Protein backbone atom coordinates (compact mmCIF):
# COMPACT_ATOMS: atom_id res chain seq x y z
CA MET A 1 93.06 -213.96 114.52
CA HIS A 2 93.56 -214.26 110.78
CA GLY A 3 93.61 -217.45 108.77
CA LEU A 4 92.27 -219.25 105.72
CA ASN A 5 90.90 -222.23 107.57
CA TYR A 6 88.19 -222.54 110.22
CA ALA A 7 86.43 -225.21 112.24
CA SER A 8 84.58 -226.74 109.29
CA GLU A 9 87.89 -227.85 107.75
CA LYS A 10 88.79 -231.49 108.39
CA ILE A 11 92.55 -230.93 108.18
CA GLY A 12 94.93 -228.07 108.92
CA VAL A 13 94.72 -225.48 111.68
CA GLY A 14 91.04 -224.72 111.09
CA GLN A 15 89.85 -226.91 113.94
CA ARG A 16 92.26 -225.20 116.34
CA TYR A 17 91.03 -221.75 115.28
CA GLY A 18 87.45 -222.82 115.85
CA GLY A 19 88.31 -224.11 119.32
CA MET A 20 90.17 -220.92 120.22
CA VAL A 21 87.27 -218.73 119.14
CA ASP A 22 84.81 -220.88 121.12
CA THR A 23 87.01 -220.57 124.23
CA LEU A 24 87.38 -216.79 123.83
CA VAL A 25 83.62 -216.31 123.40
CA GLU A 26 82.88 -218.48 126.45
CA ALA A 27 85.29 -216.26 128.42
CA GLY A 28 83.28 -213.19 127.41
CA ASP A 29 85.42 -211.90 124.53
CA HIS A 30 83.93 -210.59 121.29
CA CYS A 31 85.14 -212.37 118.14
CA ILE A 32 84.47 -211.71 114.48
CA VAL A 33 85.24 -214.50 112.05
CA VAL A 34 85.66 -213.80 108.33
CA ILE A 35 86.37 -216.91 106.32
CA THR A 36 86.83 -217.91 102.70
CA ARG A 37 85.33 -220.89 100.92
CA LEU A 38 86.41 -224.30 102.13
CA PHE A 39 90.07 -224.75 101.30
CA TYR A 40 89.74 -228.55 101.10
CA PRO A 41 86.18 -229.12 99.83
CA GLN A 42 84.69 -232.61 100.01
């Protein structure tokens, strides 16, 4: 999975990516997440 946004983002697909990674890890998959700085900082 590649993307600019991750779960800490309040808008965009970041929350979905975070949920997908959580689900994959709970199912026993190995995930590596490499993210950038917050795209929409507070």
